Amino acid sequence: MKTSKFRALALAASATSLCAIGLLGSTPAAAAGELQVTVHTTYADRILVSGFNQHGNFVATGWIDTPNTWTRVNNWWWQYNSDVTIVAEGRYHGRDLHQTSSCKIRGGGTPRFADCYAL
């Protein structure tokens, strides 16, 4: 009987560790209600997202290329109902474009993602 209890505890610990690093598809952030973002861009070539993460720390992603109309910013979790700032830069018709916008972190069309819009 003790062997099965230890085995059950070891399996539970392994599953918890796998969840913590995201290998089982569920992370502590997702369980707590925090979301990642998907950013819709038309003219931006790159974006930078900053705001408060799931731990309450102010963080920034660094520049992310935006080759598609919708760009998922995976593995960056933002506090639900908080605001993130999106800085977008691009070049269109020979002009350099730059925009800073704000996005409220709320559920969007994609599960576990908030939909945001930029340049």
PDB file of N, CA and C in Angstrom:
ATOM      1  N   MET A   1       0.819  -1.188   0.000  1.00  0.00           N
ATOM      2  CA  MET A   1       0.000   0.000   0.000  1.00  0.00           C
ATOM      3  C   MET A   1       0.867   1.256   0.000  1.00  0.00           C
ATOM      4  N   LYS A   2       1.974   1.249   0.777  1.00  0.00           N
ATOM      5  CA  LYS A   2       2.838   2.413   0.807  1.00  0.00           C
ATOM      6  C   LYS A   2       3.457   2.678  -0.562  1.00  0.00           C
ATOM      7  N   THR A   3       3.786   1.623  -1.304  1.00  0.00           N
ATOM      8  CA  THR A   3       4.384   1.794  -2.621  1.00  0.00           C
ATOM      9  C   THR A   3       3.447   2.553  -3.538  1.00  0.00           C
ATOM     10  N   SER A   4       2.154   2.223  -3.536  1.00  0.00           N
ATOM     11  CA  SER A   4       1.220   2.900  -4.424  1.00  0.00           C
ATOM     12  C   SER A   4       1.006   4.364  -4.009  1.00  0.00           C
ATOM     13  N   LYS A   5       1.068   4.642  -2.699  1.00  0.00           N
ATOM     14  CA  LYS A   5       0.945   6.026  -2.250  1.00  0.00           C
ATOM     15  C   LYS A   5       2.139   6.841  -2.734  1.00  0.00           C
ATOM     16  N   PHE A   6       3.347   6.264  -2.608  1.00  0.00           N
ATOM     17  CA  PHE A   6       4.543   6.974  -3.069  1.00  0.00           C
ATOM     18  C   PHE A   6       4.503   7.159  -4.579  1.00  0.00           C
ATOM     19  N   ARG A   7       4.048   6.132  -5.288  1.00  0.00           N
ATOM     20  CA  ARG A   7       3.951   6.227  -6.747  1.00  0.00           C
ATOM     21  C   ARG A   7       2.955   7.312  -7.130  1.00  0.00           C
ATOM     22  N   ALA A   8       1.822   7.384  -6.438  1.00  0.00           N
ATOM     23  CA  ALA A   8       0.814   8.409  -6.720  1.00  0.00           C
ATOM     24  C   ALA A   8       1.369   9.799  -6.450  1.00  0.00           C
ATOM     25  N   LEU A   9       2.120   9.945  -5.348  1.00  0.00           N
ATOM     26  CA  LEU A   9       2.738  11.236  -5.047  1.00  0.00           C
ATOM     27  C   LEU A   9       3.771  11.616  -6.099  1.00  0.00           C
ATOM     28  N   ALA A  10       4.563  10.651  -6.566  1.00  0.00           N
ATOM     29  CA  ALA A  10       5.569  10.928  -7.591  1.00  0.00           C
ATOM     30  C   ALA A  10       4.906  11.337  -8.900  1.00  0.00           C
ATOM     31  N   LEU A  11       3.831  10.657  -9.269  1.00  0.00           N
ATOM     32  CA  LEU A  11       3.112  11.012 -10.494  1.00  0.00           C
ATOM     33  C   LEU A  11       2.494  12.395 -10.385  1.00  0.00           C
ATOM     34  N   ALA A  12       1.924  12.710  -9.238  1.00  0.00           N
ATOM     35  CA  ALA A  12       1.328  14.035  -9.032  1.00  0.00           C
ATOM     36  C   ALA A  12       2.404  15.113  -9.105  1.00  0.00           C
ATOM     37  N   ALA A  13       3.551  14.857  -8.521  1.00  0.00           N
ATOM     38  CA  ALA A  13       4.654  15.829  -8.566  1.00  0.00           C
ATOM     39  C   ALA A  13       5.143  16.011  -9.993  1.00  0.00           C
ATOM     40  N   SER A  14       5.248  14.921 -10.747  1.00  0.00           N
ATOM     41  CA  SER A  14       5.678  15.012 -12.151  1.00  0.00           C
ATOM     42  C   SER A  14       4.686  15.812 -12.966  1.00  0.00           C
ATOM     43  N   ALA A  15       3.402  15.564 -12.801  1.00  0.00           N
ATOM     44  CA  ALA A  15       2.375  16.288 -13.545  1.00  0.00           C
ATOM     45  C   ALA A  15       2.401  17.769 -13.193  1.00  0.00           C
ATOM     46  N   THR A  16       2.599  18.068 -11.917  1.00  0.00           N
ATOM     47  CA  THR A  16       2.684  19.471 -11.496  1.00  0.00           C
ATOM     48  C   THR A  16       3.885  20.142 -12.143  1.00  0.00           C
ATOM     49  N   SER A  17       5.019  19.462 -12.179  1.00  0.00           N
ATOM     50  CA  SER A  17       6.218  20.032 -12.797  1.00  0.00           C
ATOM     51  C   SER A  17       6.005  20.246 -14.287  1.00  0.00           C
ATOM     52  N   LEU A  18       5.389  19.285 -14.956  1.00  0.00           N
ATOM     53  CA  LEU A  18       5.136  19.428 -16.388  1.00  0.00           C
ATOM     54  C   LEU A  18       4.178  20.573 -16.662  1.00  0.00           C
ATOM     55  N   CYS A  19       3.169  20.752 -15.840  1.00  0.00           N
ATOM     56  CA  CYS A  19       2.250  21.877 -15.999  1.00  0.00           C
ATOM     57  C   CYS A  19       2.981  23.192 -15.788  1.00  0.00           C
ATOM     58  N   ALA A  20       3.860  23.217 -14.806  1.00  0.00           N
ATOM     59  CA  ALA A  20       4.567  24.456 -14.497  1.00  0.00           C
ATOM     60  C   ALA A  20       5.436  24.911 -15.656  1.00  0.00           C
ATOM     61  N   ILE A  21       5.974  23.960 -16.436  1.00  0.00           N
ATOM     62  CA  ILE A  21       6.795  24.373 -17.568  1.00  0.00           C
ATOM     63  C   ILE A  21       6.017  24.329 -18.872  1.00  0.00           C
ATOM     64  N   GLY A  22       4.728  24.058 -18.809  1.00  0.00           N
ATOM     65  CA  GLY A  22       3.877  24.186 -19.979  1.00  0.00           C
ATOM     66  C   GLY A  22       3.828  22.973 -20.894  1.00  0.00           C
ATOM     67  N   LEU A  23       4.374  21.833 -20.487  1.00  0.00           N
ATOM     68  CA  LEU A  23       4.404  20.684 -21.371  1.00  0.00           C
ATOM     69  C   LEU A  23       3.060  19.966 -21.473  1.00  0.00           C
ATOM     70  N   LEU A  24       2.182  20.178 -20.536  1.00  0.00           N
ATOM     71  CA  LEU A  24       0.877  19.531 -20.609  1.00  0.00           C
ATOM     72  C   LEU A  24      -0.180  20.473 -21.172  1.00  0.00           C
ATOM     73  N   GLY A  25       0.214  21.624 -21.667  1.00  0.00           N
ATOM     74  CA  GLY A  25      -0.722  22.538 -22.296  1.00  0.00           C
ATOM     75  C   GLY A  25      -1.477  23.426 -21.331  1.00  0.00           C
ATOM     76  N   SER A  26      -1.271  23.280 -20.067  1.00  0.00           N
ATOM     77  CA  SER A  26      -1.931  24.111 -19.080  1.00  0.00           C
ATOM     78  C   SER A  26      -0.868  24.683 -18.173  1.00  0.00           C
ATOM     79  N   THR A  27      -0.861  25.987 -18.029  1.00  0.00           N
ATOM     80  CA  THR A  27       0.158  26.600 -17.186  1.00  0.00           C
ATOM     81  C   THR A  27      -0.515  27.241 -15.992  1.00  0.00           C
ATOM     82  N   PRO A  28       0.239  27.524 -14.949  1.00  0.00           N
ATOM     83  CA  PRO A  28      -0.345  28.219 -13.808  1.00  0.00           C
ATOM     84  C   PRO A  28      -0.969  29.541 -14.224  1.00  0.00           C
ATOM     85  N   ALA A  29      -0.393  30.227 -15.217  1.00  0.00           N
ATOM     86  CA  ALA A  29      -0.947  31.499 -15.669  1.00  0.00           C
ATOM     87  C   ALA A  29      -2.328  31.294 -16.276  1.00  0.00           C
ATOM     88  N   ALA A  30      -2.462  30.284 -17.120  1.00  0.00           N
ATOM     89  CA  ALA A  30      -3.752  30.035 -17.756  1.00  0.00           C
ATOM     90  C   ALA A  30      -4.802  29.689 -16.715  1.00  0.00           C
ATOM     91  N   ALA A  31      -4.404  28.924 -15.712  1.00  0.00           N
ATOM     92  CA  ALA A  31      -5.355  28.532 -14.675  1.00  0.00           C
ATOM     93  C   ALA A  31      -5.787  29.727 -13.846  1.00  0.00           C
ATOM     94  N   ALA A  32      -4.904  30.708 -13.689  1.00  0.00           N
ATOM     95  CA  ALA A  32      -5.228  31.874 -12.863  1.00  0.00           C
ATOM     96  C   ALA A  32      -5.996  32.940 -13.630  1.00  0.00           C
ATOM     97  N   GLY A  33      -6.163  32.773 -14.941  1.00  0.00           N
ATOM     98  CA  GLY A  33      -6.933  33.723 -15.728  1.00  0.00           C
ATOM     99  C   GLY A  33      -6.116  34.703 -16.541  1.00  0.00           C
ATOM    100  N   GLU A  34      -4.802  34.663 -16.442  1.00  0.00           N
ATOM    101  CA  GLU A  34      -3.990  35.546 -17.253  1.00  0.00           C
ATOM    102  C   GLU A  34      -4.043  35.088 -18.705  1.00  0.00           C
ATOM    103  N   LEU A  35      -3.762  36.014 -19.610  1.00  0.00           N
ATOM    104  CA  LEU A  35      -3.856  35.704 -21.031  1.00  0.00           C
ATOM    105  C   LEU A  35      -2.585  36.107 -21.768  1.00  0.00           C
ATOM    106  N   GLN A  36      -2.379  35.476 -22.908  1.00  0.00           N
ATOM    107  CA  GLN A  36      -1.362  35.888 -23.854  1.00  0.00           C
ATOM    108  C   GLN A  36      -2.040  36.884 -24.801  1.00  0.00           C
ATOM    109  N   VAL A  37      -1.311  37.472 -25.745  1.00  0.00           N
ATOM    110  CA  VAL A  37      -1.953  38.386 -26.688  1.00  0.00           C
ATOM    111  C   VAL A  37      -1.722  37.950 -28.129  1.00  0.00           C
ATOM    112  N   THR A  38      -2.698  38.274 -28.955  1.00  0.00           N
ATOM    113  CA  THR A  38      -2.587  38.192 -30.402  1.00  0.00           C
ATOM    114  C   THR A  38      -2.746  39.619 -30.901  1.00  0.00           C
ATOM    115  N   VAL A  39      -1.793  40.093 -31.699  1.00  0.00           N
ATOM    116  CA  VAL A  39      -1.816  41.482 -32.149  1.00  0.00           C
ATOM    117  C   VAL A  39      -2.110  41.536 -33.643  1.00  0.00           C
ATOM    118  N   HIS A  40      -3.149  42.295 -33.999  1.00  0.00           N
ATOM    119  CA  HIS A  40      -3.515  42.499 -35.400  1.00  0.00           C
ATOM    120  C   HIS A  40      -2.755  43.720 -35.909  1.00  0.00           C
ATOM    121  N   THR A  41      -1.998  43.528 -36.974  1.00  0.00           N
ATOM    122  CA  THR A  41      -1.266  44.636 -37.583  1.00  0.00           C
ATOM    123  C   THR A  41      -1.491  44.633 -39.083  1.00  0.00           C
ATOM    124  N   THR A  42      -1.483  45.809 -39.681  1.00  0.00           N
ATOM    125  CA  THR A  42      -1.577  45.933 -41.130  1.00  0.00           C
ATOM    126  C   THR A  42      -0.261  46.433 -41.706  1.00  0.00           C
ATOM    127  N   TYR A  43       0.322  47.453 -41.079  1.00  0.00           N
ATOM    128  CA  TYR A  43       1.529  48.084 -41.604  1.00  0.00           C
ATOM    129  C   TYR A  43       2.768  47.856 -40.753  1.00  0.00           C
ATOM    130  N   ALA A  44       2.627  47.255 -39.602  1.00  0.00           N
ATOM    131  CA  ALA A  44       3.777  47.066 -38.713  1.00  0.00           C
ATOM    132  C   ALA A  44       4.663  45.930 -39.206  1.00  0.00           C
ATOM    133  N   ASP A  45       5.949  46.142 -39.096  1.00  0.00           N
ATOM    134  CA  ASP A  45       6.924  45.097 -39.400  1.00  0.00           C
ATOM    135  C   ASP A  45       7.409  44.409 -38.129  1.00  0.00           C
ATOM    136  N   ARG A  46       7.249  45.126 -37.009  1.00  0.00           N
ATOM    137  CA  ARG A  46       7.640  44.545 -35.733  1.00  0.00           C
ATOM    138  C   ARG A  46       6.865  45.243 -34.621  1.00  0.00           C
ATOM    139  N   ILE A  47       6.726  44.514 -33.497  1.00  0.00           N
ATOM    140  CA  ILE A  47       6.016  45.046 -32.328  1.00  0.00           C
ATOM    141  C   ILE A  47       6.809  44.744 -31.068  1.00  0.00           C
ATOM    142  N   LEU A  48       6.509  45.499 -30.034  1.00  0.00           N
ATOM    143  CA  LEU A  48       7.044  45.264 -28.698  1.00  0.00           C
ATOM    144  C   LEU A  48       5.858  45.406 -27.749  1.00  0.00           C
ATOM    145  N   VAL A  49       5.659  44.435 -26.874  1.00  0.00           N
ATOM    146  CA  VAL A  49       4.536  44.456 -25.932  1.00  0.00           C
ATOM    147  C   VAL A  49       5.099  44.575 -24.524  1.00  0.00           C
ATOM    148  N   SER A  50       4.518  45.467 -23.717  1.00  0.00           N
ATOM    149  CA  SER A  50       4.960  45.608 -22.325  1.00  0.00           C
ATOM    150  C   SER A  50       3.750  45.778 -21.414  1.00  0.00           C
ATOM    151  N   GLY A  51       3.908  45.368 -20.170  1.00  0.00           N
ATOM    152  CA  GLY A  51       2.839  45.476 -19.187  1.00  0.00           C
ATOM    153  C   GLY A  51       3.160  44.603 -17.988  1.00  0.00           C
ATOM    154  N   PHE A  52       2.142  44.352 -17.176  1.00  0.00           N
ATOM    155  CA  PHE A  52       2.331  43.549 -15.973  1.00  0.00           C
ATOM    156  C   PHE A  52       2.021  42.088 -16.254  1.00  0.00           C
ATOM    157  N   ASN A  53       2.972  41.216 -15.912  1.00  0.00           N
ATOM    158  CA  ASN A  53       2.794  39.784 -16.159  1.00  0.00           C
ATOM    159  C   ASN A  53       2.008  39.113 -15.031  1.00  0.00           C
ATOM    160  N   GLN A  54       1.905  37.786 -15.097  1.00  0.00           N
ATOM    161  CA  GLN A  54       1.121  37.017 -14.139  1.00  0.00           C
ATOM    162  C   GLN A  54       1.671  37.102 -12.725  1.00  0.00           C
ATOM    163  N   HIS A  55       2.915  37.554 -12.568  1.00  0.00           N
ATOM    164  CA  HIS A  55       3.527  37.672 -11.243  1.00  0.00           C
ATOM    165  C   HIS A  55       3.478  39.104 -10.708  1.00  0.00           C
ATOM    166  N   GLY A  56       2.877  40.012 -11.484  1.00  0.00           N
ATOM    167  CA  GLY A  56       2.786  41.404 -11.066  1.00  0.00           C
ATOM    168  C   GLY A  56       4.026  42.220 -11.380  1.00  0.00           C
ATOM    169  N   ASN A  57       4.930  41.659 -12.181  1.00  0.00           N
ATOM    170  CA  ASN A  57       6.152  42.367 -12.573  1.00  0.00           C
ATOM    171  C   ASN A  57       5.956  43.071 -13.903  1.00  0.00           C
ATOM    172  N   PHE A  58       6.509  44.263 -14.050  1.00  0.00           N
ATOM    173  CA  PHE A  58       6.461  44.956 -15.331  1.00  0.00           C
ATOM    174  C   PHE A  58       7.532  44.351 -16.234  1.00  0.00           C
ATOM    175  N   VAL A  59       7.125  43.878 -17.420  1.00  0.00           N
ATOM    176  CA  VAL A  59       8.045  43.216 -18.349  1.00  0.00           C
ATOM    177  C   VAL A  59       7.784  43.713 -19.768  1.00  0.00           C
ATOM    178  N   ALA A  60       8.742  43.495 -20.645  1.00  0.00           N
ATOM    179  CA  ALA A  60       8.618  43.819 -22.065  1.00  0.00           C
ATOM    180  C   ALA A  60       9.167  42.658 -22.882  1.00  0.00           C
ATOM    181  N   THR A  61       8.539  42.398 -24.019  1.00  0.00           N
ATOM    182  CA  THR A  61       8.892  41.241 -24.832  1.00  0.00           C
ATOM    183  C   THR A  61      10.183  41.392 -25.618  1.00  0.00           C
ATOM    184  N   GLY A  62      10.586  42.607 -25.919  1.00  0.00           N
ATOM    185  CA  GLY A  62      11.619  42.799 -26.931  1.00  0.00           C
ATOM    186  C   GLY A  62      10.910  42.832 -28.281  1.00  0.00           C
ATOM    187  N   TRP A  63      11.622  43.170 -29.339  1.00  0.00           N
ATOM    188  CA  TRP A  63      10.983  43.312 -30.655  1.00  0.00           C
ATOM    189  C   TRP A  63      10.620  41.952 -31.237  1.00  0.00           C
ATOM    190  N   ILE A  64       9.411  41.871 -31.791  1.00  0.00           N
ATOM    191  CA  ILE A  64       8.887  40.646 -32.406  1.00  0.00           C
ATOM    192  C   ILE A  64       8.489  40.983 -33.834  1.00  0.00           C
ATOM    193  N   ASP A  65       8.995  40.222 -34.814  1.00  0.00           N
ATOM    194  CA  ASP A  65       8.601  40.426 -36.207  1.00  0.00           C
ATOM    195  C   ASP A  65       7.129  40.077 -36.397  1.00  0.00           C
ATOM    196  N   THR A  66       6.458  40.830 -37.277  1.00  0.00           N
ATOM    197  CA  THR A  66       5.029  40.609 -37.532  1.00  0.00           C
ATOM    198  C   THR A  66       4.810  40.290 -39.009  1.00  0.00           C
ATOM    199  N   PRO A  67       5.158  39.075 -39.423  1.00  0.00           N
ATOM    200  CA  PRO A  67       5.026  38.739 -40.843  1.00  0.00           C
ATOM    201  C   PRO A  67       3.584  38.493 -41.291  1.00  0.00           C
ATOM    202  N   ASN A  68       2.685  38.282 -40.348  1.00  0.00           N
ATOM    203  CA  ASN A  68       1.294  37.977 -40.686  1.00  0.00           C
ATOM    204  C   ASN A  68       0.366  39.065 -40.157  1.00  0.00           C
ATOM    205  N   THR A  69      -0.872  39.049 -40.617  1.00  0.00           N
ATOM    206  CA  THR A  69      -1.860  40.022 -40.148  1.00  0.00           C
ATOM    207  C   THR A  69      -2.102  39.872 -38.655  1.00  0.00           C
ATOM    208  N   TRP A  70      -2.134  38.635 -38.150  1.00  0.00           N
ATOM    209  CA  TRP A  70      -2.284  38.375 -36.714  1.00  0.00           C
ATOM    210  C   TRP A  70      -1.005  37.728 -36.227  1.00  0.00           C
ATOM    211  N   THR A  71      -0.432  38.287 -35.176  1.00  0.00           N
ATOM    212  CA  THR A  71       0.797  37.746 -34.600  1.00  0.00           C
ATOM    213  C   THR A  71       0.528  37.335 -33.166  1.00  0.00           C
ATOM    214  N   ARG A  72       0.712  36.066 -32.882  1.00  0.00           N
ATOM    215  CA  ARG A  72       0.566  35.583 -31.504  1.00  0.00           C
ATOM    216  C   ARG A  72       1.856  35.839 -30.739  1.00  0.00           C
ATOM    217  N   VAL A  73       1.694  36.377 -29.556  1.00  0.00           N
ATOM    218  CA  VAL A  73       2.840  36.587 -28.675  1.00  0.00           C
ATOM    219  C   VAL A  73       2.755  35.476 -27.631  1.00  0.00           C
ATOM    220  N   ASN A  74       3.327  34.335 -27.999  1.00  0.00           N
ATOM    221  CA  ASN A  74       3.250  33.142 -27.155  1.00  0.00           C
ATOM    222  C   ASN A  74       4.179  33.227 -25.952  1.00  0.00           C
ATOM    223  N   ASN A  75       3.751  32.588 -24.878  1.00  0.00           N
ATOM    224  CA  ASN A  75       4.551  32.399 -23.658  1.00  0.00           C
ATOM    225  C   ASN A  75       4.837  33.682 -22.892  1.00  0.00           C
ATOM    226  N   TRP A  76       4.092  34.727 -23.155  1.00  0.00           N
ATOM    227  CA  TRP A  76       4.109  35.952 -22.353  1.00  0.00           C
ATOM    228  C   TRP A  76       2.704  36.093 -21.808  1.00  0.00           C
ATOM    229  N   TRP A  77       2.552  35.989 -20.500  1.00  0.00           N
ATOM    230  CA  TRP A  77       1.237  36.016 -19.863  1.00  0.00           C
ATOM    231  C   TRP A  77       1.022  37.356 -19.181  1.00  0.00           C
ATOM    232  N   TRP A  78      -0.145  37.968 -19.409  1.00  0.00           N
ATOM    233  CA  TRP A  78      -0.467  39.304 -18.912  1.00  0.00           C
ATOM    234  C   TRP A  78      -1.637  39.222 -17.950  1.00  0.00           C
ATOM    235  N   GLN A  79      -1.626  40.073 -16.948  1.00  0.00           N
ATOM    236  CA  GLN A  79      -2.695  40.086 -15.945  1.00  0.00           C
ATOM    237  C   GLN A  79      -4.027  40.424 -16.603  1.00  0.00           C
ATOM    238  N   TYR A  80      -5.029  39.618 -16.282  1.00  0.00           N
ATOM    239  CA  TYR A  80      -6.365  39.822 -16.823  1.00  0.00           C
ATOM    240  C   TYR A  80      -6.902  41.189 -16.405  1.00  0.00           C
ATOM    241  N   ASN A  81      -7.530  41.872 -17.328  1.00  0.00           N
ATOM    242  CA  ASN A  81      -8.168  43.174 -17.124  1.00  0.00           C
ATOM    243  C   ASN A  81      -7.161  44.303 -16.896  1.00  0.00           C
ATOM    244  N   SER A  82      -5.883  44.045 -17.172  1.00  0.00           N
ATOM    245  CA  SER A  82      -4.875  45.105 -17.106  1.00  0.00           C
ATOM    246  C   SER A  82      -4.667  45.644 -18.520  1.00  0.00           C
ATOM    247  N   ASP A  83      -3.861  46.673 -18.643  1.00  0.00           N
ATOM    248  CA  ASP A  83      -3.530  47.223 -19.956  1.00  0.00           C
ATOM    249  C   ASP A  83      -2.101  46.863 -20.313  1.00  0.00           C
ATOM    250  N   VAL A  84      -1.879  46.522 -21.578  1.00  0.00           N
ATOM    251  CA  VAL A  84      -0.526  46.375 -22.087  1.00  0.00           C
ATOM    252  C   VAL A  84      -0.308  47.471 -23.116  1.00  0.00           C
ATOM    253  N   THR A  85       0.933  47.848 -23.302  1.00  0.00           N
ATOM    254  CA  THR A  85       1.294  48.839 -24.308  1.00  0.00           C
ATOM    255  C   THR A  85       1.943  48.111 -25.477  1.00  0.00           C
ATOM    256  N   ILE A  86       1.523  48.474 -26.677  1.00  0.00           N
ATOM    257  CA  ILE A  86       2.092  47.872 -27.883  1.00  0.00           C
ATOM    258  C   ILE A  86       2.759  48.988 -28.685  1.00  0.00           C
ATOM    259  N   VAL A  87       4.044  48.833 -28.919  1.00  0.00           N
ATOM    260  CA  VAL A  87       4.783  49.755 -29.779  1.00  0.00           C
ATOM    261  C   VAL A  87       4.948  49.035 -31.112  1.00  0.00           C
ATOM    262  N   ALA A  88       4.526  49.688 -32.188  1.00  0.00           N
ATOM    263  CA  ALA A  88       4.598  49.085 -33.519  1.00  0.00           C
ATOM    264  C   ALA A  88       5.406  49.985 -34.444  1.00  0.00           C
ATOM    265  N   GLU A  89       6.231  49.363 -35.262  1.00  0.00           N
ATOM    266  CA  GLU A  89       7.020  50.092 -36.242  1.00  0.00           C
ATOM    267  C   GLU A  89       6.922  49.391 -37.582  1.00  0.00           C
ATOM    268  N   GLY A  90       6.937  50.176 -38.643  1.00  0.00           N
ATOM    269  CA  GLY A  90       6.894  49.602 -39.975  1.00  0.00           C
ATOM    270  C   GLY A  90       7.283  50.617 -41.026  1.00  0.00           C
ATOM    271  N   ARG A  91       7.326  50.153 -42.250  1.00  0.00           N
ATOM    272  CA  ARG A  91       7.636  51.011 -43.385  1.00  0.00           C
ATOM    273  C   ARG A  91       6.571  50.752 -44.434  1.00  0.00           C
ATOM    274  N   TYR A  92       5.930  51.833 -44.914  1.00  0.00           N
ATOM    275  CA  TYR A  92       4.843  51.694 -45.884  1.00  0.00           C
ATOM    276  C   TYR A  92       4.933  52.848 -46.881  1.00  0.00           C
ATOM    277  N   HIS A  93       4.988  52.513 -48.165  1.00  0.00           N
ATOM    278  CA  HIS A  93       5.084  53.511 -49.240  1.00  0.00           C
ATOM    279  C   HIS A  93       6.217  54.498 -48.989  1.00  0.00           C
ATOM    280  N   GLY A  94       7.366  53.988 -48.559  1.00  0.00           N
ATOM    281  CA  GLY A  94       8.538  54.825 -48.357  1.00  0.00           C
ATOM    282  C   GLY A  94       8.537  55.659 -47.087  1.00  0.00           C
ATOM    283  N   ARG A  95       7.536  55.488 -46.258  1.00  0.00           N
ATOM    284  CA  ARG A  95       7.449  56.251 -45.000  1.00  0.00           C
ATOM    285  C   ARG A  95       7.701  55.330 -43.816  1.00  0.00           C
ATOM    286  N   ASP A  96       8.446  55.822 -42.840  1.00  0.00           N
ATOM    287  CA  ASP A  96       8.632  55.089 -41.582  1.00  0.00           C
ATOM    288  C   ASP A  96       7.438  55.385 -40.690  1.00  0.00           C
ATOM    289  N   LEU A  97       6.837  54.340 -40.170  1.00  0.00           N
ATOM    290  CA  LEU A  97       5.662  54.472 -39.312  1.00  0.00           C
ATOM    291  C   LEU A  97       5.996  54.009 -37.901  1.00  0.00           C
ATOM    292  N   HIS A  98       5.414  54.684 -36.927  1.00  0.00           N
ATOM    293  CA  HIS A  98       5.625  54.348 -35.520  1.00  0.00           C
ATOM    294  C   HIS A  98       4.324  54.649 -34.774  1.00  0.00           C
ATOM    295  N   GLN A  99       3.883  53.711 -33.945  1.00  0.00           N
ATOM    296  CA  GLN A  99       2.659  53.924 -33.181  1.00  0.00           C
ATOM    297  C   GLN A  99       2.775  53.241 -31.828  1.00  0.00           C
ATOM    298  N   THR A 100       2.250  53.895 -30.817  1.00  0.00           N
ATOM    299  CA  THR A 100       2.127  53.293 -29.497  1.00  0.00           C
ATOM    300  C   THR A 100       0.646  53.235 -29.171  1.00  0.00           C
ATOM    301  N   SER A 101       0.166  52.050 -28.794  1.00  0.00           N
ATOM    302  CA  SER A 101      -1.250  51.888 -28.468  1.00  0.00           C
ATOM    303  C   SER A 101      -1.392  51.071 -27.192  1.00  0.00           C
ATOM    304  N   SER A 102      -2.593  51.085 -26.650  1.00  0.00           N
ATOM    305  CA  SER A 102      -2.891  50.366 -25.425  1.00  0.00           C
ATOM    306  C   SER A 102      -3.936  49.295 -25.719  1.00  0.00           C
ATOM    307  N   CYS A 103      -3.868  48.206 -24.990  1.00  0.00           N
ATOM    308  CA  CYS A 103      -4.818  47.112 -25.181  1.00  0.00           C
ATOM    309  C   CYS A 103      -5.227  46.570 -23.809  1.00  0.00           C
ATOM    310  N   LYS A 104      -6.521  46.411 -23.604  1.00  0.00           N
ATOM    311  CA  LYS A 104      -7.047  45.830 -22.367  1.00  0.00           C
ATOM    312  C   LYS A 104      -7.008  44.307 -22.496  1.00  0.00           C
ATOM    313  N   ILE A 105      -6.459  43.644 -21.493  1.00  0.00           N
ATOM    314  CA  ILE A 105      -6.336  42.183 -21.510  1.00  0.00           C
ATOM    315  C   ILE A 105      -7.672  41.569 -21.083  1.00  0.00           C
ATOM    316  N   ARG A 106      -8.403  41.125 -22.078  1.00  0.00           N
ATOM    317  CA  ARG A 106      -9.693  40.441 -21.887  1.00  0.00           C
ATOM    318  C   ARG A 106      -9.762  39.315 -22.887  1.00  0.00           C
ATOM    319  N   GLY A 107     -10.610  38.340 -22.623  1.00  0.00           N
ATOM    320  CA  GLY A 107     -10.765  37.213 -23.527  1.00  0.00           C
ATOM    321  C   GLY A 107     -11.142  37.677 -24.924  1.00  0.00           C
ATOM    322  N   GLY A 108     -10.552  37.032 -25.922  1.00  0.00           N
ATOM    323  CA  GLY A 108     -10.825  37.384 -27.312  1.00  0.00           C
ATOM    324  C   GLY A 108     -11.379  36.205 -28.072  1.00  0.00           C
ATOM    325  N   GLY A 109     -11.171  36.233 -29.366  1.00  0.00           N
ATOM    326  CA  GLY A 109     -11.687  35.179 -30.235  1.00  0.00           C
ATOM    327  C   GLY A 109     -10.901  33.887 -30.147  1.00  0.00           C
ATOM    328  N   THR A 110      -9.685  33.957 -29.626  1.00  0.00           N
ATOM    329  CA  THR A 110      -8.834  32.779 -29.516  1.00  0.00           C
ATOM    330  C   THR A 110      -8.702  32.408 -28.048  1.00  0.00           C
ATOM    331  N   PRO A 111      -8.973  31.164 -27.676  1.00  0.00           N
ATOM    332  CA  PRO A 111      -8.836  30.768 -26.268  1.00  0.00           C
ATOM    333  C   PRO A 111      -7.444  31.068 -25.723  1.00  0.00           C
ATOM    334  N   ARG A 112      -7.376  31.599 -24.502  1.00  0.00           N
ATOM    335  CA  ARG A 112      -6.148  31.946 -23.777  1.00  0.00           C
ATOM    336  C   ARG A 112      -5.417  33.146 -24.367  1.00  0.00           C
ATOM    337  N   PHE A 113      -6.049  33.880 -25.286  1.00  0.00           N
ATOM    338  CA  PHE A 113      -5.439  35.055 -25.896  1.00  0.00           C
ATOM    339  C   PHE A 113      -6.386  36.238 -25.836  1.00  0.00           C
ATOM    340  N   ALA A 114      -5.822  37.419 -25.643  1.00  0.00           N
ATOM    341  CA  ALA A 114      -6.558  38.676 -25.779  1.00  0.00           C
ATOM    342  C   ALA A 114      -6.250  39.214 -27.173  1.00  0.00           C
ATOM    343  N   ASP A 115      -7.246  39.773 -27.848  1.00  0.00           N
ATOM    344  CA  ASP A 115      -7.040  40.349 -29.175  1.00  0.00           C
ATOM    345  C   ASP A 115      -6.693  41.818 -29.042  1.00  0.00           C
ATOM    346  N   CYS A 116      -5.566  42.219 -29.617  1.00  0.00           N
ATOM    347  CA  CYS A 116      -5.109  43.595 -29.579  1.00  0.00           C
ATOM    348  C   CYS A 116      -4.883  44.088 -31.004  1.00  0.00           C
ATOM    349  N   TYR A 117      -4.835  45.394 -31.171  1.00  0.00           N
ATOM    350  CA  TYR A 117      -4.662  45.999 -32.497  1.00  0.00           C
ATOM    351  C   TYR A 117      -3.539  47.014 -32.451  1.00  0.00           C
ATOM    352  N   ALA A 118      -2.756  47.056 -33.529  1.00  0.00           N
ATOM    353  CA  ALA A 118      -1.661  48.010 -33.632  1.00  0.00           C
ATOM    354  C   ALA A 118      -1.593  48.489 -35.075  1.00  0.00           C
ATOM    355  N   LEU A 119      -0.606  49.283 -35.369  1.00  0.00           N
ATOM    356  CA  LEU A 119      -0.357  49.922 -36.646  1.00  0.00           C
ATOM    357  C   LEU A 119      -0.642  49.018 -37.834  1.00  0.00           C
TER     358      LEU A 119
END
